[in-house]
Protein backbone atom coordinates (compact mmCIF):
# COMPACT_ATOMS: atom_id res chain seq x y z
CA MET A 1 104.99 120.28 118.98
CA LYS A 2 102.32 118.99 116.59
CA ILE A 3 99.48 116.51 116.91
CA LEU A 4 97.60 115.07 113.92
CA PHE A 5 93.93 114.20 114.33
CA ILE A 6 92.51 112.03 111.54
CA GLY A 7 88.78 112.04 110.78
CA ASP A 8 86.56 108.93 110.76
CA VAL A 9 88.50 106.26 108.86
CA PHE A 10 85.85 104.60 106.69
CA GLY A 11 86.21 100.89 105.98
CA SER A 12 88.95 99.22 103.95
CA PRO A 13 89.33 102.15 101.49
CA GLY A 14 90.05 104.47 104.42
CA ARG A 15 92.41 102.00 106.07
CA GLU A 16 94.38 101.49 102.85
CA LYS A 17 94.74 105.26 102.43
CA ILE A 18 96.13 105.63 105.93
CA LYS A 19 98.47 102.65 105.61
CA ALA A 20 99.85 103.89 102.29
CA GLU A 21 100.42 107.53 103.16
CA LEU A 22 100.39 108.25 106.90
CA PRO A 23 104.04 107.41 107.73
CA ALA A 24 105.31 109.87 105.12
CA ILE A 25 102.89 112.57 106.35
CA ILE A 26 104.08 112.13 109.94
CA GLU A 27 107.66 112.59 108.81
CA SER A 28 107.10 115.49 106.43
CA GLU A 29 104.89 117.46 108.83
CA ASP A 30 106.99 116.63 111.91
CA ILE A 31 104.01 115.11 113.77
CA PHE A 32 104.69 114.05 117.36
CA PHE A 33 101.43 112.26 118.21
CA THR A 34 98.61 110.91 116.02
CA ILE A 35 94.97 110.27 116.93
CA ALA A 36 92.51 108.61 114.52
CA GLN A 37 88.73 108.31 114.78
CA GLY A 38 88.18 104.60 114.25
CA GLU A 39 84.57 103.66 114.91
CA ASN A 40 84.05 102.93 111.18
CA LEU A 41 87.26 101.00 110.52
CA ALA A 42 85.58 97.63 109.99
CA GLY A 43 83.38 97.59 106.90
CA GLY A 44 82.28 101.19 107.42
CA ILE A 45 80.70 100.50 110.81
CA GLY A 46 82.36 99.30 114.00
CA ILE A 47 85.92 98.30 114.81
CA THR A 48 87.78 95.03 115.38
CA GLU A 49 91.11 94.09 116.88
CA ASN A 50 92.58 93.41 113.43
CA THR A 51 91.46 96.71 111.90
CA ALA A 52 92.75 98.64 114.91
CA ALA A 53 96.08 96.79 114.70
CA GLU A 54 96.48 97.96 111.09
CA MET A 55 96.35 101.57 112.31
CA PHE A 56 98.75 101.03 115.20
CA LYS A 57 101.29 99.52 112.79
CA VAL A 58 101.49 102.79 110.83
CA GLU A 59 102.18 105.05 113.82
CA VAL A 60 98.67 105.88 115.02
CA ASP A 61 99.13 106.43 118.76
CA CYS A 62 95.48 106.46 119.85
CA ILE A 63 92.13 105.47 118.32
CA THR A 64 88.93 107.14 119.50
CA THR A 65 85.43 105.86 118.73
CA GLY A 66 81.74 106.67 119.17
CA ASN A 67 78.27 105.20 118.94
CA HIS A 68 79.28 102.44 116.47
CA VAL A 69 82.04 101.03 118.67
CA TRP A 70 79.85 98.13 119.88
CA LYS A 71 78.94 96.78 116.42
CA HIS A 72 81.35 93.82 116.54
CA LYS A 73 81.15 91.90 119.83
CA GLU A 74 84.77 90.76 119.60
CA VAL A 75 85.84 94.32 120.42
CA LEU A 76 84.49 94.08 123.98
CA THR A 77 87.46 92.17 125.41
CA TYR A 78 89.86 94.16 123.23
CA LEU A 79 88.61 97.44 124.71
CA ASP A 80 89.60 96.20 128.16
CA LYS A 81 93.11 95.15 127.21
CA GLU A 82 94.17 97.85 124.72
CA PRO A 83 94.70 101.30 126.30
CA ARG A 84 95.33 102.88 122.88
CA LEU A 85 91.68 102.23 121.97
CA LEU A 86 89.11 104.47 123.65
CA ARG A 87 85.32 104.51 123.78
CA PRO A 88 83.20 107.50 124.89
CA ALA A 89 83.79 108.25 128.57
CA ASN A 90 80.16 109.12 129.26
CA PHE A 91 78.83 105.59 128.81
CA PRO A 92 77.52 104.24 132.13
CA GLU A 93 79.79 102.67 134.73
CA GLY A 94 80.49 99.01 134.10
CA VAL A 95 80.87 99.33 130.33
CA GLN A 96 83.99 97.70 128.88
CA GLY A 97 87.04 99.76 128.06
CA ARG A 98 88.13 103.24 129.02
CA GLY A 99 87.08 106.71 127.91
CA TYR A 100 90.33 108.54 128.55
CA TYR A 101 94.00 107.84 129.02
CA VAL A 102 97.36 109.57 129.48
CA TYR A 103 100.04 108.38 127.05
CA ASP A 104 103.75 108.86 127.74
CA LYS A 105 105.67 109.30 124.49
CA ASP A 106 109.34 110.20 124.56
CA GLY A 107 108.88 111.74 127.99
CA VAL A 108 105.93 113.94 126.97
CA LYS A 109 102.51 113.12 128.44
CA ILE A 110 99.51 113.41 126.12
CA GLY A 111 95.99 112.98 127.51
CA VAL A 112 93.08 111.98 125.25
CA ILE A 113 89.41 112.15 126.26
CA ASN A 114 86.61 110.58 124.18
CA LEU A 115 83.07 111.98 124.66
CA GLN A 116 79.76 111.37 122.88
CA GLY A 117 77.00 113.92 122.39
CA ARG A 118 73.33 113.44 123.28
CA VAL A 119 71.46 115.65 120.80
CA PHE A 120 69.84 113.45 118.10
CA MET A 121 71.81 110.52 119.53
CA LYS A 122 71.37 107.82 122.17
CA PRO A 123 70.96 109.53 125.56
CA LEU A 124 74.08 108.92 127.64
CA ASP A 125 75.49 110.48 130.78
CA ASP A 126 76.16 114.24 130.59
CA PRO A 127 79.30 114.86 128.46
CA PHE A 128 79.68 118.36 129.90
CA SER A 129 79.99 117.46 133.56
CA ILE A 130 81.90 114.26 132.85
CA GLY A 131 84.28 116.00 130.45
CA MET A 132 84.94 118.77 132.98
CA LYS A 133 85.55 116.27 135.79
CA ILE A 134 87.93 114.12 133.74
CA ALA A 135 89.85 117.11 132.39
CA GLY A 136 90.30 118.47 135.91
CA GLU A 137 91.65 115.15 137.13
CA MET A 138 93.95 114.64 134.12
CA ARG A 139 95.47 118.12 134.47
CA ARG A 140 97.18 116.88 137.65
CA GLU A 141 99.28 114.71 135.33
CA THR A 142 99.47 116.77 132.12
CA HIS A 143 98.09 119.96 130.57
CA ASN A 144 98.28 118.45 127.08
CA LEU A 145 94.67 117.29 126.75
CA PHE A 146 92.89 116.47 123.49
CA VAL A 147 89.15 115.82 123.35
CA ASP A 148 87.21 113.95 120.64
CA VAL A 149 83.57 115.07 120.82
CA HIS A 150 81.64 112.52 118.77
CA ALA A 151 78.31 114.26 118.26
CA GLU A 152 75.62 115.09 115.72
CA ALA A 153 74.67 118.66 116.57
CA THR A 154 76.95 121.58 115.75
CA SER A 155 75.54 123.53 118.70
CA GLU A 156 76.42 120.80 121.18
CA LYS A 157 79.98 120.49 119.88
CA ARG A 158 80.55 124.24 119.98
CA ALA A 159 79.07 124.45 123.45
CA LEU A 160 81.45 121.74 124.65
CA GLY A 161 84.33 123.55 122.97
CA TRP A 162 83.64 126.75 124.85
CA TYR A 163 82.80 124.90 128.07
CA LEU A 164 86.14 123.08 128.13
CA SER A 165 88.22 125.95 126.74
CA GLY A 166 91.00 126.91 129.09
CA LEU A 167 91.16 123.40 130.52
CA VAL A 168 92.14 121.40 127.43
CA THR A 169 94.47 121.87 124.46
CA ALA A 170 91.93 120.96 121.77
CA VAL A 171 88.31 119.97 121.26
CA ILE A 172 87.89 118.12 117.95
CA GLY A 173 84.42 117.25 116.65
CA THR A 174 83.70 113.99 114.82
CA HIS A 175 80.74 111.89 113.59
CA THR A 176 79.20 113.74 110.61
CA HIS A 177 82.02 112.80 108.17
CA VAL A 178 81.86 116.32 106.67
CA GLN A 179 84.81 118.59 107.37
CA THR A 180 83.81 122.04 108.61
CA ALA A 181 85.66 125.30 107.98
CA ASP A 182 85.38 126.82 111.47
CA GLU A 183 88.76 125.93 112.97
CA GLN A 184 89.88 128.45 115.58
CA VAL A 185 91.79 128.83 118.83
CA ILE A 186 89.23 129.66 121.52
CA ASN A 187 90.27 132.23 124.13
CA GLY A 188 93.84 132.04 122.85
CA ARG A 189 94.12 128.65 124.52
CA THR A 190 92.06 125.78 123.07
CA ALA A 191 92.03 124.63 119.43
CA TYR A 192 88.59 123.80 118.07
CA ILE A 193 86.84 122.49 114.95
CA THR A 194 83.21 121.31 114.72
CA ASP A 195 84.01 118.28 112.56
CA VAL A 196 87.34 117.04 111.27
CA GLY A 197 85.67 114.99 108.50
CA MET A 198 86.52 111.47 107.32
CA VAL A 199 88.96 109.31 105.42
CA GLY A 200 86.77 108.21 102.54
CA SER A 201 85.65 108.89 98.99
CA ILE A 202 84.83 112.45 97.99
CA ASP A 203 82.43 110.93 95.43
CA SER A 204 80.39 109.21 98.13
CA ILE A 205 77.65 109.98 100.62
CA ILE A 206 79.52 110.11 103.95
CA GLY A 207 81.76 107.27 102.80
CA ASN A 208 79.16 104.96 101.24
CA ARG A 209 78.45 104.42 97.55
CA LYS A 210 75.92 106.96 96.29
CA GLU A 211 73.57 104.51 94.58
CA GLU A 212 72.45 102.58 97.66
CA ILE A 213 72.07 105.70 99.79
CA ILE A 214 69.99 107.54 97.19
CA GLU A 215 67.82 104.47 96.67
CA HIS A 216 67.30 104.24 100.42
CA PHE A 217 66.06 107.84 100.56
CA VAL A 218 63.91 107.59 97.43
CA LEU A 219 62.24 104.27 98.24
CA SER A 220 62.31 104.46 102.06
CA VAL A 221 63.37 100.83 102.33
CA PRO A 222 66.56 99.34 103.84
CA ARG A 223 69.59 98.91 101.61
CA ARG A 224 73.00 97.41 102.26
CA PHE A 225 75.49 100.24 102.37
CA VAL A 226 78.87 99.67 100.71
CA ALA A 227 82.04 101.75 101.15
CA ALA A 228 82.98 103.77 98.06
CA LYS A 229 86.48 102.97 96.80
CA ASP A 230 87.43 105.80 94.43
CA ASN A 231 88.97 109.23 95.08
CA ILE A 232 89.82 108.65 98.73
CA VAL A 233 90.80 111.74 100.72
CA ALA A 234 91.96 111.87 104.34
CA ASN A 235 90.48 114.82 106.26
CA CYS A 236 92.62 115.79 109.24
CA VAL A 237 93.65 118.70 111.43
CA ILE A 238 97.09 119.56 112.76
CA VAL A 239 97.26 121.24 116.15
CA ASP A 240 100.50 123.00 117.07
CA PHE A 241 100.81 123.33 120.85
CA ASP A 242 103.22 124.16 123.66
CA GLU A 243 103.88 120.85 125.39
CA LYS A 244 104.98 122.64 128.59
CA THR A 245 101.75 124.60 129.07
CA GLY A 246 99.21 122.68 126.96
CA VAL A 247 98.27 125.89 125.12
CA ALA A 248 97.33 125.53 121.45
CA ASN A 249 99.25 127.85 119.14
CA SER A 250 97.27 127.03 116.00
CA ILE A 251 94.94 124.56 114.29
CA LYS A 252 94.80 123.99 110.56
CA ARG A 253 92.88 121.67 108.28
CA TYR A 254 95.17 119.22 106.51
CA ASN A 255 93.93 116.89 103.79
CA PHE A 256 95.87 114.28 101.86
């Protein structure tokens, strides 16, 4: 059985790419379940009910997020009512929404856990202990567990990958928008990649037009960042796994 994990979908150019091509990819690659990183769906930062709905309409089964999830206040009530939309599980108690969920699709249970790193990012609760606790609890219901680790530091993502290996089917890194080439199956059990990448322009700077970003660095003054619209590529990974045991057979980078 195969799961498709789509990197950070960046603004309207990323959404249009997914809407135009994802259904055919799901059919041609025989994808059973699809997860998309969606914290940048709305204008390149944040997510709204409408932008999430666009993804659900084209067979995305779950949307994970990260530190930008709170950008648009309208999402707060939506997080509470939409189980297909997750926010990092290691935010403090009392925060809207949910950080993990078990989805039942055609009789197969798929668990998704969303975590956020702490290195070079806002200090949250410990993703290691929380991830371990949640994975242990979810394994009572299913062994098919997929983790989005939304983090800045490669070391933290790899540490979480090894820490959770054996308990989960896959640990997929997000946040940097740059696809890494270190996909592997850890301990013959858990698929891993440091960063799956993004759905955005390959002629951009992490999804934004080059001109404003370069000017920002050169002049050290704020600039309005705008999503680049040309040469859009969707960075993804496909994880093949045994749905009876939750063991990953393989992970491969897949770009379209």
